[in-house]
């Protein structure tokens, strides 16, 4: 995290915007906000990012929670079910169903 925030207790840090994190510049913070992630807690517990991470693990090295089935569950993707696993990490984020669920709750 950025220097001015290093003395915050963990609970207070979790409520801060993602821009307090090193590597999250203004452009990244806006992109993250655009998909419904506003705080460090939102980022740390994001279903959307967890699903994306698991898809990348499966595509990159055949590991992760989807490895046993060797495919991504249909309810994780809004579209692109027919795409090869190796192509999924390169698709736009809107193909993830978690993004649709986020919009429903807003």
C-alpha atoms as a PDB file:
ATOM      1  CA  UNK A   1       0.000   0.000   0.000  1.00  0.00           C
ATOM      2  CA  UNK A   2       1.041   3.577  -0.480  1.00  0.00           C
ATOM      3  CA  UNK A   3       3.109   5.147   2.318  1.00  0.00           C
ATOM      4  CA  UNK A   4       0.452   7.525   3.748  1.00  0.00           C
ATOM      5  CA  UNK A   5      -1.817   4.547   4.482  1.00  0.00           C
ATOM      6  CA  UNK A   6       0.681   2.139   6.023  1.00  0.00           C
ATOM      7  CA  UNK A   7      -0.212   3.145   9.584  1.00  0.00           C
ATOM      8  CA  UNK A   8      -3.932   2.397   9.171  1.00  0.00           C
ATOM      9  CA  UNK A   9      -5.303  -0.564  11.042  1.00  0.00           C
ATOM     10  CA  UNK A  10      -6.436  -3.391   8.752  1.00  0.00           C
ATOM     11  CA  UNK A  11     -10.170  -2.717   9.189  1.00  0.00           C
ATOM     12  CA  UNK A  12      -9.756   0.922   8.177  1.00  0.00           C
ATOM     13  CA  UNK A  13      -7.567  -0.027   5.227  1.00  0.00           C
ATOM     14  CA  UNK A  14     -10.226  -2.393   3.894  1.00  0.00           C
ATOM     15  CA  UNK A  15     -12.682   0.506   3.646  1.00  0.00           C
ATOM     16  CA  UNK A  16     -10.307   2.725   1.631  1.00  0.00           C
ATOM     17  CA  UNK A  17     -10.534   3.026  -2.170  1.00  0.00           C
ATOM     18  CA  UNK A  18      -8.372   0.699  -4.252  1.00  0.00           C
ATOM     19  CA  UNK A  19      -6.161   3.652  -5.208  1.00  0.00           C
ATOM     20  CA  UNK A  20      -4.351   3.294  -1.837  1.00  0.00           C
ATOM     21  CA  UNK A  21      -2.710   0.144  -3.212  1.00  0.00           C
ATOM     22  CA  UNK A  22       0.638   0.261  -4.956  1.00  0.00           C
ATOM     23  CA  UNK A  23       0.227  -0.394  -8.650  1.00  0.00           C
ATOM     24  CA  UNK A  24      -3.338   0.934  -8.802  1.00  0.00           C
ATOM     25  CA  UNK A  25      -3.066   4.212 -10.693  1.00  0.00           C
ATOM     26  CA  UNK A  26      -6.006   6.489 -11.539  1.00  0.00           C
ATOM     27  CA  UNK A  27      -6.808   4.584 -14.739  1.00  0.00           C
ATOM     28  CA  UNK A  28      -6.784   1.221 -13.001  1.00  0.00           C
ATOM     29  CA  UNK A  29      -8.868   2.568 -10.101  1.00  0.00           C
ATOM     30  CA  UNK A  30     -11.480   3.819 -12.577  1.00  0.00           C
ATOM     31  CA  UNK A  31     -11.543   0.494 -14.451  1.00  0.00           C
ATOM     32  CA  UNK A  32     -11.954  -1.353 -11.160  1.00  0.00           C
ATOM     33  CA  UNK A  33     -14.759   1.013 -10.081  1.00  0.00           C
ATOM     34  CA  UNK A  34     -16.466   0.486 -13.445  1.00  0.00           C
ATOM     35  CA  UNK A  35     -16.918  -3.203 -12.637  1.00  0.00           C
ATOM     36  CA  UNK A  36     -18.324  -2.455  -9.185  1.00  0.00           C
ATOM     37  CA  UNK A  37     -15.195  -2.711  -7.050  1.00  0.00           C
ATOM     38  CA  UNK A  38     -14.733   0.419  -4.951  1.00  0.00           C
ATOM     39  CA  UNK A  39     -12.796  -0.549  -1.815  1.00  0.00           C
ATOM     40  CA  UNK A  40      -9.841  -2.736  -0.892  1.00  0.00           C
ATOM     41  CA  UNK A  41     -12.344  -5.142   0.727  1.00  0.00           C
ATOM     42  CA  UNK A  42     -14.351  -5.331  -2.502  1.00  0.00           C
ATOM     43  CA  UNK A  43     -11.169  -6.138  -4.406  1.00  0.00           C
ATOM     44  CA  UNK A  44      -9.986  -8.743  -1.907  1.00  0.00           C
ATOM     45  CA  UNK A  45     -13.297 -10.604  -1.893  1.00  0.00           C
ATOM     46  CA  UNK A  46     -14.397 -10.139  -5.507  1.00  0.00           C
ATOM     47  CA  UNK A  47     -16.176 -13.140  -7.008  1.00  0.00           C
ATOM     48  CA  UNK A  48     -15.568 -11.677 -10.444  1.00  0.00           C
ATOM     49  CA  UNK A  49     -11.798 -11.511  -9.991  1.00  0.00           C
ATOM     50  CA  UNK A  50     -11.711 -14.920  -8.305  1.00  0.00           C
ATOM     51  CA  UNK A  51     -13.499 -16.461 -11.289  1.00  0.00           C
ATOM     52  CA  UNK A  52     -11.134 -14.712 -13.713  1.00  0.00           C
ATOM     53  CA  UNK A  53      -8.146 -15.944 -11.690  1.00  0.00           C
ATOM     54  CA  UNK A  54      -9.419 -19.536 -11.746  1.00  0.00           C
ATOM     55  CA  UNK A  55      -9.962 -19.373 -15.512  1.00  0.00           C
ATOM     56  CA  UNK A  56      -6.376 -18.159 -15.935  1.00  0.00           C
ATOM     57  CA  UNK A  57      -5.030 -20.976 -13.731  1.00  0.00           C
ATOM     58  CA  UNK A  58      -6.908 -23.556 -15.776  1.00  0.00           C
ATOM     59  CA  UNK A  59      -5.776 -22.077 -19.093  1.00  0.00           C
ATOM     60  CA  UNK A  60      -2.154 -21.541 -18.046  1.00  0.00           C
ATOM     61  CA  UNK A  61      -1.337 -24.764 -16.246  1.00  0.00           C
ATOM     62  CA  UNK A  62      -4.434 -26.940 -15.908  1.00  0.00           C
ATOM     63  CA  UNK A  63      -4.718 -26.169 -12.193  1.00  0.00           C
ATOM     64  CA  UNK A  64      -7.205 -24.441  -9.908  1.00  0.00           C
ATOM     65  CA  UNK A  65     -10.706 -25.245  -8.774  1.00  0.00           C
ATOM     66  CA  UNK A  66     -11.905 -25.963 -12.329  1.00  0.00           C
ATOM     67  CA  UNK A  67      -9.074 -28.421 -13.051  1.00  0.00           C
ATOM     68  CA  UNK A  68     -10.913 -31.588 -12.017  1.00  0.00           C
ATOM     69  CA  UNK A  69     -13.571 -30.981 -14.675  1.00  0.00           C
ATOM     70  CA  UNK A  70     -11.073 -29.577 -17.154  1.00  0.00           C
ATOM     71  CA  UNK A  71     -13.488 -26.833 -18.108  1.00  0.00           C
ATOM     72  CA  UNK A  72     -15.130 -23.680 -16.805  1.00  0.00           C
ATOM     73  CA  UNK A  73     -18.656 -24.200 -15.453  1.00  0.00           C
ATOM     74  CA  UNK A  74     -21.404 -22.793 -17.673  1.00  0.00           C
ATOM     75  CA  UNK A  75     -22.702 -20.503 -14.931  1.00  0.00           C
ATOM     76  CA  UNK A  76     -19.323 -18.755 -14.748  1.00  0.00           C
ATOM     77  CA  UNK A  77     -19.556 -17.506 -18.332  1.00  0.00           C
ATOM     78  CA  UNK A  78     -22.237 -15.405 -19.955  1.00  0.00           C
ATOM     79  CA  UNK A  79     -21.010 -16.474 -23.410  1.00  0.00           C
ATOM     80  CA  UNK A  80     -17.990 -18.120 -25.072  1.00  0.00           C
ATOM     81  CA  UNK A  81     -18.794 -21.605 -23.749  1.00  0.00           C
ATOM     82  CA  UNK A  82     -17.540 -23.095 -27.024  1.00  0.00           C
ATOM     83  CA  UNK A  83     -14.167 -21.297 -26.913  1.00  0.00           C
ATOM     84  CA  UNK A  84     -11.029 -23.299 -26.152  1.00  0.00           C
ATOM     85  CA  UNK A  85      -9.873 -22.847 -22.558  1.00  0.00           C
ATOM     86  CA  UNK A  86      -6.616 -21.258 -23.729  1.00  0.00           C
ATOM     87  CA  UNK A  87      -8.574 -18.393 -25.336  1.00  0.00           C
ATOM     88  CA  UNK A  88     -10.748 -17.529 -22.323  1.00  0.00           C
ATOM     89  CA  UNK A  89      -8.208 -15.325 -20.461  1.00  0.00           C
ATOM     90  CA  UNK A  90      -7.998 -13.032 -23.495  1.00  0.00           C
ATOM     91  CA  UNK A  91     -11.731 -12.364 -23.737  1.00  0.00           C
ATOM     92  CA  UNK A  92     -13.328  -9.148 -22.421  1.00  0.00           C
ATOM     93  CA  UNK A  93     -14.382  -9.167 -18.779  1.00  0.00           C
ATOM     94  CA  UNK A  94     -18.071  -8.847 -19.713  1.00  0.00           C
ATOM     95  CA  UNK A  95     -18.176 -12.563 -20.608  1.00  0.00           C
ATOM     96  CA  UNK A  96     -18.017 -13.417 -16.906  1.00  0.00           C
ATOM     97  CA  UNK A  97     -21.420 -14.000 -15.340  1.00  0.00           C
ATOM     98  CA  UNK A  98     -20.280 -12.508 -12.041  1.00  0.00           C
ATOM     99  CA  UNK A  99     -20.260  -9.113 -13.738  1.00  0.00           C
ATOM    100  CA  UNK A 100     -23.946  -9.474 -14.618  1.00  0.00           C
ATOM    101  CA  UNK A 101     -24.757 -10.486 -11.045  1.00  0.00           C
ATOM    102  CA  UNK A 102     -22.955  -7.402  -9.753  1.00  0.00           C
ATOM    103  CA  UNK A 103     -25.054  -5.147 -11.961  1.00  0.00           C
ATOM    104  CA  UNK A 104     -28.234  -6.820 -10.701  1.00  0.00           C
ATOM    105  CA  UNK A 105     -27.463  -5.921  -7.092  1.00  0.00           C
ATOM    106  CA  UNK A 106     -26.539  -2.291  -7.750  1.00  0.00           C
END
